[in-house]
């Protein structure tokens, strides 16, 4: 599902998995016309919507209903 939406938005997700603890690892292949910020917003948006639909009870346990921390780390290779 996530890979299909990413492809529709113009990038590829060869890897998208939960890391140790409370973070997610994503490997993304994207053209230079897509900014890192735009890709992070896409990923947060569609994964958050999917999780809230599948598990609506988590929203009431979150601070101000925010699923993702606004911070992220990016490394290019």
N, C-alpha and C. Protein backbone atom coordinates (compact mmCIF):
# COMPACT_ATOMS: atom_id res chain seq x y z
N UNK A 1 0.83 -1.20 0.00
CA UNK A 1 0.00 0.00 0.00
C UNK A 1 0.87 1.26 0.00
N UNK A 2 1.78 1.36 0.94
CA UNK A 2 2.65 2.53 1.04
C UNK A 2 3.50 2.69 -0.20
N UNK A 3 4.03 1.57 -0.72
CA UNK A 3 4.87 1.63 -1.92
C UNK A 3 4.08 2.13 -3.12
N UNK A 4 2.82 1.73 -3.23
CA UNK A 4 1.98 2.17 -4.34
C UNK A 4 1.70 3.66 -4.29
N UNK A 5 1.42 4.18 -3.12
CA UNK A 5 1.16 5.61 -2.96
C UNK A 5 2.44 6.40 -3.23
N UNK A 6 3.57 5.89 -2.75
CA UNK A 6 4.85 6.56 -3.01
C UNK A 6 5.10 6.63 -4.51
N UNK A 7 4.87 5.54 -5.20
CA UNK A 7 5.07 5.51 -6.65
C UNK A 7 4.18 6.54 -7.34
N UNK A 8 2.93 6.65 -6.88
CA UNK A 8 2.01 7.65 -7.44
C UNK A 8 2.50 9.07 -7.22
N UNK A 9 3.22 9.30 -6.13
CA UNK A 9 3.75 10.63 -5.81
C UNK A 9 5.11 10.88 -6.46
N UNK A 10 5.70 9.86 -7.09
CA UNK A 10 6.93 10.06 -7.84
C UNK A 10 8.20 9.58 -7.18
N UNK A 11 8.10 8.77 -6.11
CA UNK A 11 9.31 8.22 -5.50
C UNK A 11 9.10 6.75 -5.18
N UNK A 12 10.17 6.08 -4.80
CA UNK A 12 10.14 4.64 -4.54
C UNK A 12 10.62 4.39 -3.11
N UNK A 13 9.98 3.41 -2.45
CA UNK A 13 10.36 3.02 -1.08
C UNK A 13 10.90 1.59 -1.09
N UNK A 14 12.20 1.40 -1.33
CA UNK A 14 12.73 0.04 -1.29
C UNK A 14 12.67 -0.58 0.11
N UNK A 15 12.67 0.26 1.16
CA UNK A 15 12.60 -0.26 2.53
C UNK A 15 11.81 0.72 3.39
N UNK A 16 10.87 0.18 4.17
CA UNK A 16 10.08 0.97 5.11
C UNK A 16 9.77 0.03 6.26
N UNK A 17 10.45 0.22 7.40
CA UNK A 17 10.27 -0.72 8.51
C UNK A 17 10.43 0.00 9.85
N UNK A 18 9.88 -0.61 10.89
CA UNK A 18 10.04 -0.08 12.24
C UNK A 18 11.45 -0.34 12.73
N UNK A 19 12.05 0.67 13.32
CA UNK A 19 13.38 0.52 13.89
C UNK A 19 13.27 0.09 15.34
N UNK A 20 14.39 0.06 16.01
CA UNK A 20 14.40 -0.29 17.43
C UNK A 20 13.76 0.85 18.21
N UNK A 21 12.82 0.52 19.06
CA UNK A 21 12.20 1.54 19.89
C UNK A 21 11.09 2.29 19.19
N UNK A 22 11.31 3.57 18.98
CA UNK A 22 10.22 4.44 18.54
C UNK A 22 10.49 5.17 17.23
N UNK A 23 11.15 4.53 16.30
CA UNK A 23 11.42 5.21 15.04
C UNK A 23 11.23 4.28 13.85
N UNK A 24 11.24 4.88 12.66
CA UNK A 24 11.00 4.14 11.43
C UNK A 24 12.20 4.35 10.51
N UNK A 25 12.62 3.29 9.84
CA UNK A 25 13.68 3.39 8.83
C UNK A 25 13.04 3.37 7.45
N UNK A 26 13.41 4.32 6.62
CA UNK A 26 12.92 4.38 5.25
C UNK A 26 14.10 4.59 4.32
N UNK A 27 14.16 3.80 3.30
CA UNK A 27 15.08 4.08 2.21
C UNK A 27 14.20 4.57 1.07
N UNK A 28 14.56 5.73 0.54
CA UNK A 28 13.74 6.37 -0.49
C UNK A 28 14.61 6.67 -1.69
N UNK A 29 14.08 6.41 -2.85
CA UNK A 29 14.72 6.81 -4.09
C UNK A 29 13.78 7.80 -4.77
N UNK A 30 14.28 9.03 -4.98
CA UNK A 30 13.42 10.08 -5.51
C UNK A 30 14.19 10.99 -6.46
N UNK A 31 13.48 11.59 -7.39
CA UNK A 31 14.14 12.55 -8.28
C UNK A 31 14.45 13.83 -7.52
N UNK A 32 15.41 14.62 -7.98
CA UNK A 32 15.78 15.85 -7.28
C UNK A 32 14.65 16.89 -7.25
N UNK A 33 13.64 16.72 -8.06
CA UNK A 33 12.52 17.67 -8.06
C UNK A 33 11.64 17.53 -6.81
N UNK A 34 11.76 16.41 -6.08
CA UNK A 34 11.00 16.22 -4.84
C UNK A 34 11.91 16.53 -3.66
N UNK A 35 11.49 17.45 -2.82
CA UNK A 35 12.30 17.80 -1.65
C UNK A 35 12.14 16.75 -0.55
N UNK A 36 13.13 16.67 0.32
CA UNK A 36 13.07 15.75 1.46
C UNK A 36 11.85 16.07 2.33
N UNK A 37 11.61 17.34 2.56
CA UNK A 37 10.47 17.75 3.38
C UNK A 37 9.16 17.27 2.78
N UNK A 38 9.00 17.40 1.48
CA UNK A 38 7.78 16.95 0.81
C UNK A 38 7.59 15.45 0.97
N UNK A 39 8.65 14.69 0.81
CA UNK A 39 8.57 13.23 0.95
C UNK A 39 8.21 12.85 2.38
N UNK A 40 8.83 13.49 3.37
CA UNK A 40 8.52 13.21 4.77
C UNK A 40 7.06 13.52 5.07
N UNK A 41 6.55 14.62 4.54
CA UNK A 41 5.14 14.96 4.74
C UNK A 41 4.23 13.91 4.10
N UNK A 42 4.55 13.46 2.90
CA UNK A 42 3.76 12.40 2.26
C UNK A 42 3.75 11.15 3.13
N UNK A 43 4.94 10.71 3.55
CA UNK A 43 5.03 9.48 4.34
C UNK A 43 4.27 9.60 5.66
N UNK A 44 4.44 10.70 6.35
CA UNK A 44 3.73 10.90 7.61
C UNK A 44 2.23 10.98 7.42
N UNK A 45 1.82 11.65 6.37
CA UNK A 45 0.40 11.82 6.11
C UNK A 45 -0.32 10.53 5.81
N UNK A 46 0.20 9.77 4.84
CA UNK A 46 -0.56 8.57 4.50
C UNK A 46 -0.37 7.43 5.48
N UNK A 47 0.75 7.35 6.17
CA UNK A 47 0.87 6.30 7.20
C UNK A 47 0.02 6.65 8.42
N UNK A 48 -0.02 7.94 8.78
CA UNK A 48 -0.84 8.36 9.91
C UNK A 48 -2.31 8.11 9.66
N UNK A 49 -2.80 8.49 8.46
CA UNK A 49 -4.21 8.25 8.14
C UNK A 49 -4.56 6.78 8.19
N UNK A 50 -3.68 5.95 7.64
CA UNK A 50 -3.94 4.51 7.63
C UNK A 50 -3.99 3.95 9.06
N UNK A 51 -3.05 4.37 9.91
CA UNK A 51 -3.04 3.89 11.29
C UNK A 51 -4.26 4.36 12.07
N UNK A 52 -4.67 5.62 11.89
CA UNK A 52 -5.85 6.12 12.59
C UNK A 52 -7.13 5.41 12.14
N UNK A 53 -7.19 5.05 10.87
CA UNK A 53 -8.36 4.31 10.38
C UNK A 53 -8.38 2.90 10.96
N UNK A 54 -7.23 2.25 10.96
CA UNK A 54 -7.16 0.87 11.44
C UNK A 54 -7.23 0.77 12.96
N UNK A 55 -6.65 1.75 13.65
CA UNK A 55 -6.61 1.74 15.12
C UNK A 55 -7.08 3.09 15.66
N UNK A 56 -8.38 3.39 15.60
CA UNK A 56 -8.86 4.72 16.02
C UNK A 56 -8.60 5.03 17.49
N UNK A 57 -8.43 4.02 18.31
CA UNK A 57 -8.21 4.24 19.75
C UNK A 57 -6.86 4.89 20.05
N UNK A 58 -5.90 4.82 19.14
CA UNK A 58 -4.59 5.41 19.43
C UNK A 58 -4.63 6.94 19.46
N UNK A 59 -5.57 7.52 18.73
CA UNK A 59 -5.62 8.98 18.68
C UNK A 59 -5.87 9.60 20.05
N UNK A 60 -6.69 8.97 20.87
CA UNK A 60 -6.98 9.52 22.19
C UNK A 60 -5.81 9.37 23.16
N UNK A 61 -4.85 8.53 22.85
CA UNK A 61 -3.68 8.33 23.71
C UNK A 61 -2.52 9.25 23.33
N UNK A 62 -2.66 9.97 22.23
CA UNK A 62 -1.59 10.83 21.74
C UNK A 62 -1.73 12.25 22.25
N UNK A 63 -0.60 12.91 22.39
CA UNK A 63 -0.60 14.30 22.82
C UNK A 63 -1.06 15.18 21.67
N UNK A 64 -2.18 15.86 21.82
CA UNK A 64 -2.77 16.72 20.78
C UNK A 64 -3.05 15.97 19.48
N UNK A 65 -3.22 14.67 19.55
CA UNK A 65 -3.57 13.88 18.37
C UNK A 65 -2.46 13.72 17.35
N UNK A 66 -1.23 14.08 17.71
CA UNK A 66 -0.11 14.01 16.76
C UNK A 66 0.55 12.63 16.84
N UNK A 67 0.57 11.94 15.72
CA UNK A 67 1.18 10.61 15.67
C UNK A 67 2.69 10.70 15.53
N UNK A 68 3.15 11.58 14.65
CA UNK A 68 4.58 11.67 14.36
C UNK A 68 5.19 12.91 14.98
N UNK A 69 6.40 12.75 15.49
CA UNK A 69 7.21 13.87 15.97
C UNK A 69 7.60 14.69 14.73
N UNK A 70 7.62 16.01 14.81
CA UNK A 70 7.96 16.81 13.64
C UNK A 70 9.44 16.71 13.23
N UNK A 71 10.26 16.11 14.06
CA UNK A 71 11.69 15.99 13.76
C UNK A 71 11.96 14.75 12.91
N UNK A 72 12.99 14.83 12.10
CA UNK A 72 13.42 13.66 11.34
C UNK A 72 14.90 13.79 11.01
N UNK A 73 15.50 12.66 10.73
CA UNK A 73 16.92 12.61 10.36
C UNK A 73 17.01 12.09 8.94
N UNK A 74 17.84 12.72 8.13
CA UNK A 74 18.01 12.29 6.75
C UNK A 74 19.49 12.14 6.47
N UNK A 75 19.82 11.08 5.80
CA UNK A 75 21.19 10.84 5.34
C UNK A 75 21.12 10.46 3.87
N UNK A 76 21.95 11.06 3.07
CA UNK A 76 21.92 10.75 1.63
C UNK A 76 23.07 9.79 1.31
N UNK A 77 22.81 8.93 0.36
CA UNK A 77 23.86 8.00 -0.10
C UNK A 77 23.83 7.93 -1.61
